[in-house]
């Protein structure tokens, strides 16, 4: 309520809260999709059926993604309400749509990463831990590196290079979107110009990253590499 309705200039912080929630719950429903089959010794039976690798992966991905995305969407209804109420977000509908796209891509990324780790590891616990390590590093490390570079290496070549890593993190993409809340009842507020290249870079990176993992998992199922014991 504070970030969206009282001080709308802090809306990116609420979206970051939604992203953090998805980081915690997203991998749980997909990290054991394949390893649970292997642990129950039913994966060999599944592989000798007429079900194609694409159908196996698509079904397992959707089964975990639908749960995590629904749970995450429960936190998005205040954003929808903010767009309906007479608040400065009326003037920032493209930015609000960008927030929604970032959350959707984050849900897909956590689910696909968890499914990939479930494919290449033998145990569900190992798959879950590896997924959290990958997601936490990819989502938060660029933000920490950018903060460090701007604090201790401001206006340097290294700081500019580190800023490019922001395309890997949905948090960086969230704060890179422009937000103008100086209109309406809050004329004293300032407008955030934003850096759209980080947002579009994140969208492009997410599409390439998830597409690459899906193609790799399909290939691993086709050649049976570390899929069946």
Protein backbone atom coordinates (compact mmCIF):
# COMPACT_ATOMS: atom_id res chain seq x y z
CA UNK A 1 0.00 0.00 0.00
CA UNK A 2 2.80 2.43 0.82
CA UNK A 3 4.76 1.75 -2.37
CA UNK A 4 1.78 1.86 -4.71
CA UNK A 5 -0.80 4.24 -3.25
CA UNK A 6 0.89 6.54 -0.73
CA UNK A 7 4.28 7.00 -2.38
CA UNK A 8 3.78 5.79 -5.97
CA UNK A 9 7.34 6.72 -6.89
CA UNK A 10 8.40 3.56 -5.01
CA UNK A 11 6.35 1.28 -7.28
CA UNK A 12 9.51 -0.53 -8.55
CA UNK A 13 10.14 -1.68 -4.99
CA UNK A 14 6.76 -3.40 -4.91
CA UNK A 15 7.50 -5.13 -8.21
CA UNK A 16 10.82 -6.21 -6.73
CA UNK A 17 8.89 -7.75 -3.85
CA UNK A 18 6.79 -9.71 -6.35
CA UNK A 19 9.94 -10.87 -8.14
CA UNK A 20 11.51 -11.95 -4.85
CA UNK A 21 8.40 -13.96 -4.03
CA UNK A 22 8.62 -15.72 -7.39
CA UNK A 23 12.31 -16.44 -6.81
CA UNK A 24 11.35 -18.29 -3.63
CA UNK A 25 8.32 -20.27 -4.84
CA UNK A 26 9.02 -20.68 -8.56
CA UNK A 27 11.73 -23.38 -8.45
CA UNK A 28 9.93 -25.51 -5.87
CA UNK A 29 7.28 -26.79 -8.28
CA UNK A 30 9.63 -27.67 -11.16
CA UNK A 31 12.93 -28.71 -9.56
CA UNK A 32 11.66 -32.25 -8.91
CA UNK A 33 9.77 -32.82 -12.15
CA UNK A 34 12.32 -35.18 -13.72
CA UNK A 35 14.35 -36.18 -10.67
CA UNK A 36 11.21 -37.47 -8.93
CA UNK A 37 10.61 -39.78 -11.89
CA UNK A 38 14.19 -40.99 -11.63
CA UNK A 39 13.95 -41.49 -7.87
CA UNK A 40 10.73 -43.52 -8.25
CA UNK A 41 12.37 -45.48 -11.10
CA UNK A 42 9.53 -44.63 -13.47
CA UNK A 43 11.52 -42.55 -15.93
CA UNK A 44 12.65 -45.57 -17.97
CA UNK A 45 9.02 -46.58 -18.41
CA UNK A 46 8.16 -43.09 -19.57
CA UNK A 47 10.96 -43.06 -22.12
CA UNK A 48 9.77 -46.23 -23.88
CA UNK A 49 6.30 -44.80 -24.52
CA UNK A 50 5.24 -42.96 -27.66
CA UNK A 51 5.36 -39.64 -25.81
CA UNK A 52 7.91 -37.36 -27.50
CA UNK A 53 10.60 -35.51 -25.50
CA UNK A 54 8.91 -32.22 -26.36
CA UNK A 55 5.58 -33.44 -24.96
CA UNK A 56 7.28 -34.65 -21.77
CA UNK A 57 9.08 -31.39 -21.18
CA UNK A 58 6.13 -29.20 -22.15
CA UNK A 59 3.79 -31.04 -19.78
CA UNK A 60 6.22 -30.95 -16.87
CA UNK A 61 7.02 -27.28 -17.50
CA UNK A 62 3.38 -26.24 -17.59
CA UNK A 63 2.50 -28.27 -14.50
CA UNK A 64 5.04 -26.36 -12.42
CA UNK A 65 4.71 -23.02 -14.16
CA UNK A 66 0.96 -22.74 -13.73
CA UNK A 67 1.20 -23.12 -9.94
CA UNK A 68 4.06 -20.65 -9.47
CA UNK A 69 2.55 -18.11 -11.88
CA UNK A 70 -0.85 -18.24 -10.17
CA UNK A 71 0.70 -17.77 -6.74
CA UNK A 72 2.76 -14.85 -8.05
CA UNK A 73 -0.25 -13.29 -9.77
CA UNK A 74 -2.00 -13.03 -6.40
CA UNK A 75 0.49 -10.25 -5.61
CA UNK A 76 -0.25 -8.38 -8.83
CA UNK A 77 -3.85 -7.43 -8.10
CA UNK A 78 -2.76 -4.29 -6.17
CA UNK A 79 -0.93 -3.21 -9.34
CA UNK A 80 -4.12 -3.65 -11.37
CA UNK A 81 -6.06 -1.74 -8.74
CA UNK A 82 -3.50 1.07 -8.88
CA UNK A 83 -4.04 1.35 -12.64
CA UNK A 84 -7.81 1.62 -12.14
CA UNK A 85 -7.77 4.13 -9.28
CA UNK A 86 -7.23 7.86 -10.01
CA UNK A 87 -3.51 7.73 -9.33
CA UNK A 88 -0.46 8.92 -11.33
CA UNK A 89 -0.20 5.44 -12.82
CA UNK A 90 -2.77 6.53 -15.39
CA UNK A 91 0.08 8.39 -17.07
CA UNK A 92 2.41 5.38 -16.82
CA UNK A 93 0.41 2.53 -18.35
CA UNK A 94 3.28 1.48 -20.70
CA UNK A 95 5.55 1.24 -17.65
CA UNK A 96 2.96 -0.83 -15.80
CA UNK A 97 2.75 -3.14 -18.82
CA UNK A 98 6.54 -3.41 -18.70
CA UNK A 99 6.34 -4.42 -15.04
CA UNK A 100 3.87 -7.16 -15.95
CA UNK A 101 6.11 -8.43 -18.75
CA UNK A 102 9.10 -8.56 -16.39
CA UNK A 103 7.13 -10.63 -13.86
CA UNK A 104 5.93 -13.03 -16.58
CA UNK A 105 9.45 -13.53 -17.91
CA UNK A 106 10.72 -14.04 -14.37
CA UNK A 107 8.13 -16.78 -13.78
CA UNK A 108 9.16 -18.53 -16.98
CA UNK A 109 12.87 -18.21 -16.18
CA UNK A 110 12.58 -19.71 -12.70
CA UNK A 111 10.46 -22.61 -13.97
CA UNK A 112 12.68 -23.39 -16.97
CA UNK A 113 15.86 -23.19 -14.90
CA UNK A 114 14.40 -25.54 -12.29
CA UNK A 115 13.31 -28.00 -14.98
CA UNK A 116 16.77 -27.91 -16.56
CA UNK A 117 18.46 -28.62 -13.23
CA UNK A 118 15.97 -31.43 -12.66
CA UNK A 119 17.03 -32.92 -15.99
CA UNK A 120 20.78 -32.91 -15.43
CA UNK A 121 20.91 -33.80 -11.73
CA UNK A 122 20.07 -37.11 -10.06
CA UNK A 123 18.38 -35.95 -6.85
CA UNK A 124 15.62 -33.43 -6.22
CA UNK A 125 17.49 -31.81 -3.35
CA UNK A 126 20.55 -31.22 -5.54
CA UNK A 127 18.38 -29.87 -8.33
CA UNK A 128 16.59 -27.46 -6.01
CA UNK A 129 19.80 -26.13 -4.46
CA UNK A 130 21.43 -25.66 -7.87
CA UNK A 131 18.35 -23.84 -9.14
CA UNK A 132 18.35 -21.40 -6.25
CA UNK A 133 22.06 -20.75 -6.73
CA UNK A 134 21.63 -20.02 -10.43
CA UNK A 135 18.54 -17.84 -9.99
CA UNK A 136 19.96 -15.90 -7.04
CA UNK A 137 23.23 -15.27 -8.85
CA UNK A 138 21.61 -14.22 -12.12
CA UNK A 139 18.94 -12.02 -10.54
CA UNK A 140 20.84 -10.33 -7.72
CA UNK A 141 24.55 -10.39 -8.61
CA UNK A 142 24.22 -7.73 -11.38
CA UNK A 143 22.41 -5.41 -8.95
CA UNK A 144 25.10 -5.83 -6.29
CA UNK A 145 27.88 -5.38 -8.85
CA UNK A 146 26.27 -2.23 -10.22
CA UNK A 147 25.87 -0.75 -6.74
CA UNK A 148 29.50 -1.52 -5.92
CA UNK A 149 30.75 -0.05 -9.21
CA UNK A 150 28.72 3.15 -8.86
CA UNK A 151 29.87 3.58 -5.27
CA UNK A 152 33.58 2.88 -5.61
CA UNK A 153 34.29 3.15 -9.35
CA UNK A 154 31.99 5.94 -10.50
CA UNK A 155 32.59 7.38 -13.99
CA UNK A 156 35.02 4.63 -14.94
CA UNK A 157 35.19 2.13 -17.75
CA UNK A 158 34.64 -0.70 -15.28
CA UNK A 159 31.43 0.85 -14.02
CA UNK A 160 30.06 1.10 -17.56
CA UNK A 161 30.97 -2.52 -18.24
CA UNK A 162 29.30 -3.70 -15.03
CA UNK A 163 26.15 -1.77 -15.89
CA UNK A 164 25.73 -3.90 -18.99
CA UNK A 165 25.25 -6.93 -16.72
CA UNK A 166 21.95 -5.36 -15.65
CA UNK A 167 20.28 -7.01 -18.64
CA UNK A 168 20.53 -10.33 -16.75
CA UNK A 169 18.46 -9.17 -13.78
CA UNK A 170 14.72 -8.44 -13.66
CA UNK A 171 15.38 -6.12 -10.72
CA UNK A 172 17.62 -3.92 -12.88
CA UNK A 173 15.02 -3.98 -15.65
CA UNK A 174 12.31 -2.92 -13.20
CA UNK A 175 14.19 0.14 -12.02
CA UNK A 176 15.24 0.95 -15.60
CA UNK A 177 11.67 1.70 -16.71
CA UNK A 178 10.62 5.38 -16.72
CA UNK A 179 8.12 6.45 -14.07
CA UNK A 180 6.53 9.90 -13.97
CA UNK A 181 4.44 10.53 -10.84
CA UNK A 182 4.81 14.31 -10.87
CA UNK A 183 1.34 14.82 -12.32
CA UNK A 184 -2.00 14.79 -10.57
CA UNK A 185 -2.08 15.28 -6.81
CA UNK A 186 1.68 14.96 -6.36
CA UNK A 187 3.27 17.76 -8.40
CA UNK A 188 6.34 17.90 -6.15
CA UNK A 189 7.43 14.36 -7.03
CA UNK A 190 10.20 13.84 -9.53
CA UNK A 191 10.09 11.81 -12.72
CA UNK A 192 12.44 8.91 -13.40
CA UNK A 193 13.83 9.01 -16.91
CA UNK A 194 14.83 5.35 -16.99
CA UNK A 195 17.19 3.35 -19.18
CA UNK A 196 15.08 1.44 -21.66
CA UNK A 197 18.05 -0.39 -23.16
CA UNK A 198 18.37 -2.39 -19.93
CA UNK A 199 14.69 -3.35 -20.09
CA UNK A 200 14.81 -4.44 -23.73
CA UNK A 201 18.13 -6.17 -23.09
CA UNK A 202 16.54 -8.16 -20.29
CA UNK A 203 13.60 -9.15 -22.49
CA UNK A 204 15.95 -10.32 -25.23
CA UNK A 205 18.21 -12.17 -22.80
CA UNK A 206 15.25 -13.94 -21.16
CA UNK A 207 13.91 -15.14 -24.51
CA UNK A 208 17.34 -16.43 -25.60
CA UNK A 209 18.11 -17.99 -22.21
CA UNK A 210 14.81 -19.88 -21.88
CA UNK A 211 14.74 -20.92 -25.53
CA UNK A 212 18.29 -22.25 -25.27
CA UNK A 213 17.55 -24.28 -22.15
CA UNK A 214 14.39 -25.77 -23.66
CA UNK A 215 16.22 -26.79 -26.84
CA UNK A 216 19.07 -28.27 -24.79
CA UNK A 217 16.70 -30.26 -22.59
CA UNK A 218 14.89 -31.59 -25.65
CA UNK A 219 18.21 -32.72 -27.10
CA UNK A 220 19.21 -34.38 -23.83
CA UNK A 221 15.98 -36.36 -23.78
CA UNK A 222 16.47 -37.42 -27.38
CA UNK A 223 19.96 -38.80 -26.77
CA UNK A 224 19.03 -40.09 -23.28
CA UNK A 225 22.09 -38.34 -21.77
CA UNK A 226 21.91 -38.72 -17.99
CA UNK A 227 18.15 -39.05 -18.25
CA UNK A 228 17.78 -42.77 -17.64
CA UNK A 229 19.99 -44.87 -15.37
